[in-house]
Each structure stands twice: as C-alpha cells, then as structure tokens.
Amino acid sequence: MNTPRRTRILVALAIVVAATVTGAVVVINRPSTPPAPTHSAAAPPTATSSAKPYVAPTASAVAALPEAKYNAVISRLIAYTPHGTPTAARATYEVARDTPLYGRDQTVPVARFAAKNFLNEPSVIVPVQADGPWTLVLTPARQTLPSQHPGAAAQSAAWIRTDTLVEVHALTAHILVSVGAQTVSIVSESGRTTATFQAGVGATGTPTPTDVVGYMQARYLDPAQGQTIYPIGLTSLHSTAADEPFGGHDGGLIGIHYEASHSGDISHGCVRLDGPSITALDRLPLGTSVIIEK
C-alpha cells in the first residue's frame, strides 16, 4: 500500500491530458528574493558552469526533457543526502510552467520539473540550497536504482533557476519519523514536538530508509487500495533496498498512509498510521519536510 498503482497512474494521465486540451494557464507573480538555503547536502554541489550569460532552453527543448516524476530514474540528477542533522524546509514553491533542471555543472539541462504533477495539481517544490541565480531543489524522481547501485540514495535533487520559483507559503512544522521508536511526530519550527503517533515501519527485507530528508509531495484517495477515507500521503523519498518493494510500477515511493495494523516492522518501507494520526498530518501543507531517523 505504498504508492500509486498502474490504474491510478492511468487515471492521473487522463486528467493531465484533459487539462492540456483545455489550455489552462497558471499565472503567478515571481518572488522578489531568492529562497534561503534550508538543508545541507553531503559534499554540497558547487557551481562549475562558465561565466557566460544564461540562455534558457526553448519550450520545445524543455518538453523533450525527461520529467522528474515519482517513478522516473534520471542518472544525471544529484543524489541527495543530508550532511549532519537534517533541517526542515521553511517555505514551498511552484513554477508557472514546465521548467528545466540541471545537474552539478549548471550548464546542460538534464530533466524538467512539471508545473502539474500526476494528479494534475500544482507541483510542490522544496529548495535546499541557494547559489546566486541558482537554487538546489529536491525532486520526486530517483537518481539510480538499488538493483544497480546498492544503497542508492532515497532522495534526488537538481539545480533550477531561482527566478522561476514562485513562493506559495511558509512552513511552520515538519514530520519526524523515528524507525527505532516506531513513531511519527509533528515538530514545530522552534523544535517543540506538538504530537506523536504510534507507527508501523518497514520489515527487515524492505526497510524504511533512515537518515534521510524529503517532503510531502501529494495526497490522494485510492479505492483500488482500499483507501477511501484517509488520503495516502506520498513523500518524495524512495526505498533504498529494492526497486519496487510493493510490486508494480510505483517507483518504490515511501508513503505515509492509513492501515488498521499500524505497529511493528510490517510494511514494504512505508509508514503506517491510524486514522486520527493521518487526519492530524493532513493539516500540514504539501511541501512539509519529512525527516526519517534511525
């Protein structure tokens, strides 16, 4: 019960096609200042691009780039792991149109961040590092698969032009998952724990990744998985132990979802909670940081 199944993806794609036909346009004002860095990455990427003026790729060139979506694997993205204690994002952003993403050299676009996600809702973008006109953001895609590189990073990142980001709102809390204690907590910006819930976590063969930070990218109901009351919460994190621990083509995403049995080492990597706990987390906006510790 970790992530979207093939049926759900087909429905979402149909929605996206319908939205494209209508020609809907999102118009949003740009922020006046670049987002402040909120995370530190292991071996933080450094700018290696030349001093030549930036030239944005054409719309057709952007459209030809692979989309950094939840089940994509894009090797030229940046494997992202926190350096030291992870810190939570303080604001979330959007883009008005599909926008190019760049690797470490900030020169050649390697992917695109779609303005709308698989639910045809505005994609949530979370910055983690600022570098002048560039901002490092987390993405929903994978950089590589565990079958190809054991211990593959649970989170990917990429550089985006700062002036394409549109601030949506500030964040005042984050979600902290403790695999050892089998709990999920809501922690305020000041560091105060405001609520803690019992949780089920990954089994031995399909563990929940630890020492990672991602964000809540989407919520949705899925009758095909028996989820008609409490929305499934999809994080941007992926399993580090298996390509598809739950089977199918869901990208091995780590979800936070309702399950009647919600204690012990019992899941395929996802985090299981009871109904009231899911309701409490649903009050937090998309883009809220998800930090998972041992």
C-alpha atoms as a PDB file:
ATOM      1  CA  MET A   1       0.000   0.000   0.000  1.00  0.00           C
ATOM      2  CA  ASN A   2       2.977   2.231  -0.607  1.00  0.00           C
ATOM      3  CA  THR A   3       2.317   4.247  -3.742  1.00  0.00           C
ATOM      4  CA  PRO A   4       0.115   4.713  -6.836  1.00  0.00           C
ATOM      5  CA  ARG A   5      -0.607   1.571  -8.879  1.00  0.00           C
ATOM      6  CA  ARG A   6      -0.866   1.343 -12.682  1.00  0.00           C
ATOM      7  CA  THR A   7      -4.663   2.035 -12.566  1.00  0.00           C
ATOM      8  CA  ARG A   8      -4.148   5.212 -10.553  1.00  0.00           C
ATOM      9  CA  ILE A   9      -1.397   6.427 -12.870  1.00  0.00           C
ATOM     10  CA  LEU A  10      -3.610   5.916 -15.959  1.00  0.00           C
ATOM     11  CA  VAL A  11      -6.366   7.946 -14.337  1.00  0.00           C
ATOM     12  CA  ALA A  12      -3.892  10.697 -13.437  1.00  0.00           C
ATOM     13  CA  LEU A  13      -2.529  10.750 -17.000  1.00  0.00           C
ATOM     14  CA  ALA A  14      -6.053  11.098 -18.361  1.00  0.00           C
ATOM     15  CA  ILE A  15      -6.560  14.102 -16.103  1.00  0.00           C
ATOM     16  CA  VAL A  16      -3.315  15.664 -17.335  1.00  0.00           C
ATOM     17  CA  VAL A  17      -4.350  15.161 -20.988  1.00  0.00           C
ATOM     18  CA  ALA A  18      -7.720  16.764 -20.303  1.00  0.00           C
ATOM     19  CA  ALA A  19      -6.057  19.754 -18.676  1.00  0.00           C
ATOM     20  CA  THR A  20      -3.739  20.119 -21.645  1.00  0.00           C
ATOM     21  CA  VAL A  21      -6.652  20.187 -24.088  1.00  0.00           C
ATOM     22  CA  THR A  22      -8.359  22.997 -22.197  1.00  0.00           C
ATOM     23  CA  GLY A  23      -5.225  25.119 -22.491  1.00  0.00           C
ATOM     24  CA  ALA A  24      -5.324  26.189 -18.846  1.00  0.00           C
ATOM     25  CA  VAL A  25      -2.611  28.679 -17.915  1.00  0.00           C
ATOM     26  CA  VAL A  26      -1.282  29.370 -14.442  1.00  0.00           C
ATOM     27  CA  VAL A  27      -0.239  32.969 -13.863  1.00  0.00           C
ATOM     28  CA  ILE A  28       1.756  33.651 -10.706  1.00  0.00           C
ATOM     29  CA  ASN A  29       3.977  36.516  -9.633  1.00  0.00           C
ATOM     30  CA  ARG A  30       7.664  35.788  -9.119  1.00  0.00           C
ATOM     31  CA  PRO A  31       9.343  36.241  -5.756  1.00  0.00           C
ATOM     32  CA  SER A  32      11.491  39.291  -5.279  1.00  0.00           C
ATOM     33  CA  THR A  33      14.298  37.468  -3.490  1.00  0.00           C
ATOM     34  CA  PRO A  34      15.882  34.011  -3.829  1.00  0.00           C
ATOM     35  CA  PRO A  35      14.863  31.339  -1.314  1.00  0.00           C
ATOM     36  CA  ALA A  36      17.226  30.885   1.596  1.00  0.00           C
ATOM     37  CA  PRO A  37      19.054  27.547   1.901  1.00  0.00           C
ATOM     38  CA  THR A  38      17.388  25.186   4.371  1.00  0.00           C
ATOM     39  CA  HIS A  39      19.410  21.964   4.109  1.00  0.00           C
ATOM     40  CA  SER A  40      22.986  20.948   3.678  1.00  0.00           C
ATOM     41  CA  ALA A  41      23.925  18.145   1.317  1.00  0.00           C
ATOM     42  CA  ALA A  42      26.739  15.682   1.681  1.00  0.00           C
ATOM     43  CA  ALA A  43      29.536  17.113  -0.459  1.00  0.00           C
ATOM     44  CA  PRO A  44      27.353  20.087  -1.474  1.00  0.00           C
ATOM     45  CA  PRO A  45      27.372  20.675  -5.225  1.00  0.00           C
ATOM     46  CA  THR A  46      29.480  23.645  -6.280  1.00  0.00           C
ATOM     47  CA  ALA A  47      28.982  25.812  -9.327  1.00  0.00           C
ATOM     48  CA  THR A  48      31.180  24.678 -12.184  1.00  0.00           C
ATOM     49  CA  SER A  49      29.452  26.436 -15.048  1.00  0.00           C
ATOM     50  CA  SER A  50      31.143  29.168 -17.066  1.00  0.00           C
ATOM     51  CA  ALA A  51      30.528  32.891 -16.635  1.00  0.00           C
ATOM     52  CA  LYS A  52      28.593  33.040 -19.905  1.00  0.00           C
ATOM     53  CA  PRO A  53      25.104  34.595 -19.623  1.00  0.00           C
ATOM     54  CA  TYR A  54      22.377  32.077 -19.002  1.00  0.00           C
ATOM     55  CA  VAL A  55      20.231  31.253 -22.025  1.00  0.00           C
ATOM     56  CA  ALA A  56      17.005  29.421 -21.214  1.00  0.00           C
ATOM     57  CA  PRO A  57      16.150  26.471 -23.458  1.00  0.00           C
ATOM     58  CA  THR A  58      13.166  26.802 -25.749  1.00  0.00           C
ATOM     59  CA  ALA A  59       9.767  25.451 -24.721  1.00  0.00           C
ATOM     60  CA  SER A  60      10.129  22.584 -27.179  1.00  0.00           C
ATOM     61  CA  ALA A  61      13.555  21.712 -25.765  1.00  0.00           C
ATOM     62  CA  VAL A  62      12.146  21.691 -22.230  1.00  0.00           C
ATOM     63  CA  ALA A  63       9.246  19.476 -23.337  1.00  0.00           C
ATOM     64  CA  ALA A  64      11.731  16.961 -24.747  1.00  0.00           C
ATOM     65  CA  LEU A  65      13.480  16.555 -21.380  1.00  0.00           C
ATOM     66  CA  PRO A  66      12.529  13.602 -19.115  1.00  0.00           C
ATOM     67  CA  GLU A  67      10.093  14.603 -16.397  1.00  0.00           C
ATOM     68  CA  ALA A  68      11.442  14.288 -12.862  1.00  0.00           C
ATOM     69  CA  LYS A  69       8.345  12.491 -11.589  1.00  0.00           C
ATOM     70  CA  TYR A  70       7.804   9.928  -8.867  1.00  0.00           C
ATOM     71  CA  ASN A  71       8.588   6.797 -10.934  1.00  0.00           C
ATOM     72  CA  ALA A  72      11.363   8.251 -13.121  1.00  0.00           C
ATOM     73  CA  VAL A  73      15.037   7.277 -12.878  1.00  0.00           C
ATOM     74  CA  ILE A  74      17.326  10.040 -14.181  1.00  0.00           C
ATOM     75  CA  SER A  75      21.009   9.354 -13.670  1.00  0.00           C
ATOM     76  CA  ARG A  76      22.173  12.961 -14.155  1.00  0.00           C
ATOM     77  CA  LEU A  77      20.168  14.208 -11.209  1.00  0.00           C
ATOM     78  CA  ILE A  78      22.098  14.702  -7.966  1.00  0.00           C
ATOM     79  CA  ALA A  79      21.936  12.014  -5.276  1.00  0.00           C
ATOM     80  CA  TYR A  80      20.973  13.958  -2.160  1.00  0.00           C
ATOM     81  CA  THR A  81      21.703  13.013   1.437  1.00  0.00           C
ATOM     82  CA  PRO A  82      21.801  15.357   4.426  1.00  0.00           C
ATOM     83  CA  HIS A  83      25.155  16.297   5.900  1.00  0.00           C
ATOM     84  CA  GLY A  84      24.821  16.104   9.672  1.00  0.00           C
ATOM     85  CA  THR A  85      21.416  16.659  11.250  1.00  0.00           C
ATOM     86  CA  PRO A  86      18.741  17.297   8.595  1.00  0.00           C
ATOM     87  CA  THR A  87      16.885  20.583   8.830  1.00  0.00           C
ATOM     88  CA  ALA A  88      13.349  21.294   7.677  1.00  0.00           C
ATOM     89  CA  ALA A  89      12.306  23.490   4.757  1.00  0.00           C
ATOM     90  CA  ARG A  90      10.815  26.846   5.673  1.00  0.00           C
ATOM     91  CA  ALA A  91       8.794  27.552   2.513  1.00  0.00           C
ATOM     92  CA  THR A  92       7.367  25.827  -0.551  1.00  0.00           C
ATOM     93  CA  TYR A  93       7.401  26.986  -4.160  1.00  0.00           C
ATOM     94  CA  GLU A  94       5.790  26.319  -7.532  1.00  0.00           C
ATOM     95  CA  VAL A  95       6.661  27.027 -11.163  1.00  0.00           C
ATOM     96  CA  ALA A  96       4.312  28.622 -13.675  1.00  0.00           C
ATOM     97  CA  ARG A  97       5.318  26.238 -16.464  1.00  0.00           C
ATOM     98  CA  ASP A  98       7.465  23.164 -17.019  1.00  0.00           C
ATOM     99  CA  THR A  99      10.968  24.247 -16.052  1.00  0.00           C
ATOM    100  CA  PRO A 100      14.427  22.793 -16.839  1.00  0.00           C
ATOM    101  CA  LEU A 101      16.521  21.140 -14.142  1.00  0.00           C
ATOM    102  CA  TYR A 102      20.308  20.992 -14.211  1.00  0.00           C
ATOM    103  CA  GLY A 103      22.963  18.683 -12.807  1.00  0.00           C
ATOM    104  CA  ARG A 104      26.094  19.677 -10.918  1.00  0.00           C
ATOM    105  CA  ASP A 105      27.583  21.736 -13.750  1.00  0.00           C
ATOM    106  CA  GLN A 106      24.539  24.025 -14.049  1.00  0.00           C
ATOM    107  CA  THR A 107      25.147  24.055 -17.800  1.00  0.00           C
ATOM    108  CA  VAL A 108      23.152  21.384 -19.628  1.00  0.00           C
ATOM    109  CA  PRO A 109      19.524  20.677 -18.610  1.00  0.00           C
ATOM    110  CA  VAL A 110      19.042  17.055 -17.570  1.00  0.00           C
ATOM    111  CA  ALA A 111      15.329  16.922 -16.722  1.00  0.00           C
ATOM    112  CA  ARG A 112      12.262  19.097 -16.237  1.00  0.00           C
ATOM    113  CA  PHE A 113      10.084  19.870 -13.246  1.00  0.00           C
ATOM    114  CA  ALA A 114       6.483  19.756 -14.483  1.00  0.00           C
ATOM    115  CA  ALA A 115       4.210  22.582 -13.394  1.00  0.00           C
ATOM    116  CA  LYS A 116       1.488  19.978 -12.675  1.00  0.00           C
ATOM    117  CA  ASN A 117       2.016  16.602 -11.001  1.00  0.00           C
ATOM    118  CA  PHE A 118       0.426  13.236 -11.803  1.00  0.00           C
ATOM    119  CA  LEU A 119      -2.789  14.367 -10.065  1.00  0.00           C
ATOM    120  CA  ASN A 120      -2.934  17.463 -12.312  1.00  0.00           C
ATOM    121  CA  GLU A 121      -2.284  19.604  -9.258  1.00  0.00           C
ATOM    122  CA  PRO A 122       0.488  22.215  -8.946  1.00  0.00           C
ATOM    123  CA  SER A 123       3.799  20.505  -8.275  1.00  0.00           C
ATOM    124  CA  VAL A 124       5.322  21.366  -4.910  1.00  0.00           C
ATOM    125  CA  ILE A 125       8.972  22.448  -4.991  1.00  0.00           C
ATOM    126  CA  VAL A 126      11.233  22.481  -1.932  1.00  0.00           C
ATOM    127  CA  PRO A 127      14.564  24.387  -2.030  1.00  0.00           C
ATOM    128  CA  VAL A 128      17.545  23.125  -0.059  1.00  0.00           C
ATOM    129  CA  GLN A 129      20.456  25.351  -1.108  1.00  0.00           C
ATOM    130  CA  ALA A 130      20.936  28.752  -2.752  1.00  0.00           C
ATOM    131  CA  ASP A 131      23.761  29.676  -5.133  1.00  0.00           C
ATOM    132  CA  GLY A 132      23.108  33.150  -6.541  1.00  0.00           C
ATOM    133  CA  PRO A 133      20.821  32.802  -9.569  1.00  0.00           C
ATOM    134  CA  TRP A 134      20.570  29.055  -8.932  1.00  0.00           C
ATOM    135  CA  THR A 135      18.662  27.076  -6.301  1.00  0.00           C
ATOM    136  CA  LEU A 136      19.102  23.392  -5.457  1.00  0.00           C
ATOM    137  CA  VAL A 137      15.686  21.734  -5.114  1.00  0.00           C
ATOM    138  CA  LEU A 138      14.527  18.247  -4.165  1.00  0.00           C
ATOM    139  CA  THR A 139      12.784  16.243  -6.876  1.00  0.00           C
ATOM    140  CA  PRO A 140      10.260  13.359  -6.807  1.00  0.00           C
ATOM    141  CA  ALA A 141      12.440  11.204  -9.098  1.00  0.00           C
ATOM    142  CA  ARG A 142      15.207   8.704  -8.426  1.00  0.00           C
ATOM    143  CA  GLN A 143      18.822   9.223  -9.394  1.00  0.00           C
ATOM    144  CA  THR A 144      19.503   5.471  -9.631  1.00  0.00           C
ATOM    145  CA  LEU A 145      18.016   2.119  -8.579  1.00  0.00           C
ATOM    146  CA  PRO A 146      19.107  -0.106  -5.670  1.00  0.00           C
ATOM    147  CA  SER A 147      19.458  -3.036  -8.097  1.00  0.00           C
ATOM    148  CA  GLN A 148      22.066  -1.028  -9.993  1.00  0.00           C
ATOM    149  CA  HIS A 149      23.758   0.614  -7.014  1.00  0.00           C
ATOM    150  CA  PRO A 150      23.058  -0.992  -3.613  1.00  0.00           C
ATOM    151  CA  GLY A 151      22.208   1.669  -1.068  1.00  0.00           C
ATOM    152  CA  ALA A 152      21.035   4.092  -3.766  1.00  0.00           C
ATOM    153  CA  ALA A 153      20.065   7.479  -2.385  1.00  0.00           C
ATOM    154  CA  ALA A 154      16.469   7.781  -1.233  1.00  0.00           C
ATOM    155  CA  GLN A 155      16.260  11.387  -2.451  1.00  0.00           C
ATOM    156  CA  SER A 156      17.395  13.262  -5.559  1.00  0.00           C
ATOM    157  CA  ALA A 157      17.994  16.952  -6.218  1.00  0.00           C
ATOM    158  CA  ALA A 158      18.747  19.292  -9.112  1.00  0.00           C
ATOM    159  CA  TRP A 159      19.579  22.926  -9.813  1.00  0.00           C
ATOM    160  CA  ILE A 160      16.848  25.259 -11.033  1.00  0.00           C
ATOM    161  CA  ARG A 161      16.918  28.942 -11.934  1.00  0.00           C
ATOM    162  CA  THR A 162      15.884  30.921  -8.866  1.00  0.00           C
ATOM    163  CA  ASP A 163      13.798  33.412 -10.813  1.00  0.00           C
ATOM    164  CA  THR A 164      11.468  30.645 -11.997  1.00  0.00           C
ATOM    165  CA  LEU A 165      10.389  29.801  -8.445  1.00  0.00           C
ATOM    166  CA  VAL A 166       7.171  31.222  -7.052  1.00  0.00           C
ATOM    167  CA  GLU A 167       6.788  31.154  -3.261  1.00  0.00           C
ATOM    168  CA  VAL A 168       3.486  29.658  -2.130  1.00  0.00           C
ATOM    169  CA  HIS A 169       3.631  29.796   1.652  1.00  0.00           C
ATOM    170  CA  ALA A 170       5.865  29.485   4.681  1.00  0.00           C
ATOM    171  CA  LEU A 171       6.195  26.234   6.625  1.00  0.00           C
ATOM    172  CA  THR A 172       5.988  26.170  10.412  1.00  0.00           C
ATOM    173  CA  ALA A 173       6.446  22.455  11.180  1.00  0.00           C
ATOM    174  CA  HIS A 174       7.877  19.213   9.853  1.00  0.00           C
ATOM    175  CA  ILE A 175       7.216  15.477  10.140  1.00  0.00           C
ATOM    176  CA  LEU A 176       9.755  13.389  12.062  1.00  0.00           C
ATOM    177  CA  VAL A 177       9.669   9.604  11.663  1.00  0.00           C
ATOM    178  CA  SER A 178      11.637   7.514  14.161  1.00  0.00           C
ATOM    179  CA  VAL A 179      12.088   3.990  12.810  1.00  0.00           C
ATOM    180  CA  GLY A 180      13.620   2.717  16.052  1.00  0.00           C
ATOM    181  CA  ALA A 181      10.870   4.101  18.257  1.00  0.00           C
ATOM    182  CA  GLN A 182       8.230   3.370  15.579  1.00  0.00           C
ATOM    183  CA  THR A 183       6.677   6.796  15.946  1.00  0.00           C
ATOM    184  CA  VAL A 184       5.714   9.763  13.796  1.00  0.00           C
ATOM    185  CA  SER A 185       5.869  13.228  15.336  1.00  0.00           C
ATOM    186  CA  ILE A 186       4.873  16.718  14.296  1.00  0.00           C
ATOM    187  CA  VAL A 187       7.672  19.127  15.247  1.00  0.00           C
ATOM    188  CA  SER A 188       7.265  22.902  15.203  1.00  0.00           C
ATOM    189  CA  GLU A 189       9.768  25.318  13.676  1.00  0.00           C
ATOM    190  CA  SER A 190      11.018  26.067  17.195  1.00  0.00           C
ATOM    191  CA  GLY A 191      11.812  22.374  17.720  1.00  0.00           C
ATOM    192  CA  ARG A 192       8.871  21.610  20.004  1.00  0.00           C
ATOM    193  CA  THR A 193       7.111  18.275  19.459  1.00  0.00           C
ATOM    194  CA  THR A 194       3.393  19.003  19.281  1.00  0.00           C
ATOM    195  CA  ALA A 195       2.105  15.466  18.648  1.00  0.00           C
ATOM    196  CA  THR A 196       3.448  11.905  18.470  1.00  0.00           C
ATOM    197  CA  PHE A 197       1.743   8.840  16.997  1.00  0.00           C
ATOM    198  CA  GLN A 198       2.469   5.109  17.030  1.00  0.00           C
ATOM    199  CA  ALA A 199       3.550   3.858  13.588  1.00  0.00           C
ATOM    200  CA  GLY A 200       4.292   0.722  11.635  1.00  0.00           C
ATOM    201  CA  VAL A 201       7.547   0.771   9.642  1.00  0.00           C
ATOM    202  CA  GLY A 202       9.417  -1.318   7.086  1.00  0.00           C
ATOM    203  CA  ALA A 203      10.117  -5.004   7.627  1.00  0.00           C
ATOM    204  CA  THR A 204      13.673  -6.361   7.676  1.00  0.00           C
ATOM    205  CA  GLY A 205      13.801  -7.110   3.947  1.00  0.00           C
ATOM    206  CA  THR A 206      12.059  -3.884   2.946  1.00  0.00           C
ATOM    207  CA  PRO A 207      13.212  -1.308   5.495  1.00  0.00           C
ATOM    208  CA  THR A 208      12.130   2.287   5.728  1.00  0.00           C
ATOM    209  CA  PRO A 209      15.153   4.424   4.707  1.00  0.00           C
ATOM    210  CA  THR A 210      16.779   6.352   7.556  1.00  0.00           C
ATOM    211  CA  ASP A 211      18.990   9.424   7.921  1.00  0.00           C
ATOM    212  CA  VAL A 212      17.124  10.989   5.010  1.00  0.00           C
ATOM    213  CA  VAL A 213      15.022  14.066   4.352  1.00  0.00           C
ATOM    214  CA  GLY A 214      12.332  14.550   1.733  1.00  0.00           C
ATOM    215  CA  TYR A 215       8.974  16.259   1.548  1.00  0.00           C
ATOM    216  CA  MET A 216       5.265  15.514   1.295  1.00  0.00           C
ATOM    217  CA  GLN A 217       4.589  15.753  -2.447  1.00  0.00           C
ATOM    218  CA  ALA A 218       0.934  14.665  -2.807  1.00  0.00           C
ATOM    219  CA  ARG A 219      -2.153  13.264  -1.089  1.00  0.00           C
ATOM    220  CA  TYR A 220      -4.961  11.277  -2.682  1.00  0.00           C
ATOM    221  CA  LEU A 221      -7.639   8.661  -2.064  1.00  0.00           C
ATOM    222  CA  ASP A 222      -7.359   5.340  -3.899  1.00  0.00           C
ATOM    223  CA  PRO A 223     -10.331   2.918  -3.735  1.00  0.00           C
ATOM    224  CA  ALA A 224      -8.225   0.318  -5.580  1.00  0.00           C
ATOM    225  CA  GLN A 225      -6.057   0.119  -2.453  1.00  0.00           C
ATOM    226  CA  GLY A 226      -8.975   0.352  -0.054  1.00  0.00           C
ATOM    227  CA  GLN A 227      -8.165   3.959   0.811  1.00  0.00           C
ATOM    228  CA  THR A 228     -11.499   5.803   0.575  1.00  0.00           C
ATOM    229  CA  ILE A 229     -11.463   7.764   3.849  1.00  0.00           C
ATOM    230  CA  TYR A 230      -7.884   8.646   4.742  1.00  0.00           C
ATOM    231  CA  PRO A 231      -5.687  10.045   1.937  1.00  0.00           C
ATOM    232  CA  ILE A 232      -2.427   8.331   1.098  1.00  0.00           C
ATOM    233  CA  GLY A 233       0.459  10.729   1.723  1.00  0.00           C
ATOM    234  CA  LEU A 234       3.266  10.384  -0.822  1.00  0.00           C
ATOM    235  CA  THR A 235       6.692  11.568   0.171  1.00  0.00           C
ATOM    236  CA  SER A 236       9.476  12.321  -2.309  1.00  0.00           C
ATOM    237  CA  LEU A 237      11.582   9.547  -0.755  1.00  0.00           C
ATOM    238  CA  HIS A 238      12.227   6.120  -2.289  1.00  0.00           C
ATOM    239  CA  SER A 239      13.215   2.711  -0.998  1.00  0.00           C
ATOM    240  CA  THR A 240      16.970   2.230  -0.771  1.00  0.00           C
ATOM    241  CA  ALA A 241      16.669  -1.559  -0.583  1.00  0.00           C
ATOM    242  CA  ALA A 242      14.518  -2.537  -3.574  1.00  0.00           C
ATOM    243  CA  ASP A 243      13.393  -1.087  -6.899  1.00  0.00           C
ATOM    244  CA  GLU A 244       9.728  -1.949  -6.370  1.00  0.00           C
ATOM    245  CA  PRO A 245       9.256  -3.419  -2.885  1.00  0.00           C
ATOM    246  CA  PHE A 246       5.466  -3.359  -3.240  1.00  0.00           C
ATOM    247  CA  GLY A 247       5.461  -4.543  -6.861  1.00  0.00           C
ATOM    248  CA  GLY A 248       4.053  -2.746  -9.904  1.00  0.00           C
ATOM    249  CA  HIS A 249       5.464   0.470 -11.317  1.00  0.00           C
ATOM    250  CA  ASP A 250       5.193   2.906  -8.442  1.00  0.00           C
ATOM    251  CA  GLY A 251       8.855   3.840  -8.265  1.00  0.00           C
ATOM    252  CA  GLY A 252       9.329   2.388  -4.784  1.00  0.00           C
ATOM    253  CA  LEU A 253       7.995   5.552  -3.148  1.00  0.00           C
ATOM    254  CA  ILE A 254       7.775   5.808   0.613  1.00  0.00           C
ATOM    255  CA  GLY A 255       4.217   6.669   1.617  1.00  0.00           C
ATOM    256  CA  ILE A 256       2.573   7.593   4.896  1.00  0.00           C
ATOM    257  CA  HIS A 257      -0.871   6.003   4.944  1.00  0.00           C
ATOM    258  CA  TYR A 258      -3.676   4.503   6.997  1.00  0.00           C
ATOM    259  CA  GLU A 259      -3.639   0.834   7.935  1.00  0.00           C
ATOM    260  CA  ALA A 260      -5.618  -0.986  10.601  1.00  0.00           C
ATOM    261  CA  SER A 261      -2.402  -2.789  11.584  1.00  0.00           C
ATOM    262  CA  HIS A 262      -0.021   0.077  12.327  1.00  0.00           C
ATOM    263  CA  SER A 263       2.685  -1.096  14.705  1.00  0.00           C
ATOM    264  CA  GLY A 264       5.871  -3.131  14.352  1.00  0.00           C
ATOM    265  CA  ASP A 265       8.203  -3.871  11.430  1.00  0.00           C
ATOM    266  CA  ILE A 266       5.475  -4.820   8.990  1.00  0.00           C
ATOM    267  CA  SER A 267       5.483  -2.711   5.818  1.00  0.00           C
ATOM    268  CA  HIS A 268       7.262  -2.662   2.463  1.00  0.00           C
ATOM    269  CA  GLY A 269       9.031   0.504   3.586  1.00  0.00           C
ATOM    270  CA  CYS A 270       6.056   2.796   4.033  1.00  0.00           C
ATOM    271  CA  VAL A 271       4.923   4.299   7.319  1.00  0.00           C
ATOM    272  CA  ARG A 272       1.543   3.094   8.619  1.00  0.00           C
ATOM    273  CA  LEU A 273      -0.714   5.108  10.924  1.00  0.00           C
ATOM    274  CA  ASP A 274      -4.232   5.003  12.316  1.00  0.00           C
ATOM    275  CA  GLY A 275      -6.987   7.288  11.052  1.00  0.00           C
ATOM    276  CA  PRO A 276      -6.732  10.139  13.586  1.00  0.00           C
ATOM    277  CA  SER A 277      -2.967  10.335  13.016  1.00  0.00           C
ATOM    278  CA  ILE A 278      -3.436  10.654   9.253  1.00  0.00           C
ATOM    279  CA  THR A 279      -6.011  13.392   9.847  1.00  0.00           C
ATOM    280  CA  ALA A 280      -3.522  15.297  12.007  1.00  0.00           C
ATOM    281  CA  LEU A 281      -0.808  15.083   9.334  1.00  0.00           C
ATOM    282  CA  ASP A 282      -3.267  16.187   6.661  1.00  0.00           C
ATOM    283  CA  ARG A 283      -3.450  19.575   8.369  1.00  0.00           C
ATOM    284  CA  LEU A 284       0.161  20.188   7.335  1.00  0.00           C
ATOM    285  CA  PRO A 285       0.595  21.648   3.833  1.00  0.00           C
ATOM    286  CA  LEU A 286       2.161  19.794   0.952  1.00  0.00           C
ATOM    287  CA  GLY A 287       5.858  20.518   0.823  1.00  0.00           C
ATOM    288  CA  THR A 288       6.234  19.855   4.548  1.00  0.00           C
ATOM    289  CA  SER A 289       9.603  18.220   5.214  1.00  0.00           C
ATOM    290  CA  VAL A 290       9.687  14.526   6.142  1.00  0.00           C
ATOM    291  CA  ILE A 291      12.779  13.596   8.165  1.00  0.00           C
ATOM    292  CA  ILE A 292      13.344   9.891   8.884  1.00  0.00           C
ATOM    293  CA  GLU A 293      15.819   8.916  11.579  1.00  0.00           C
ATOM    294  CA  LYS A 294      17.024   5.570  12.918  1.00  0.00           C
END
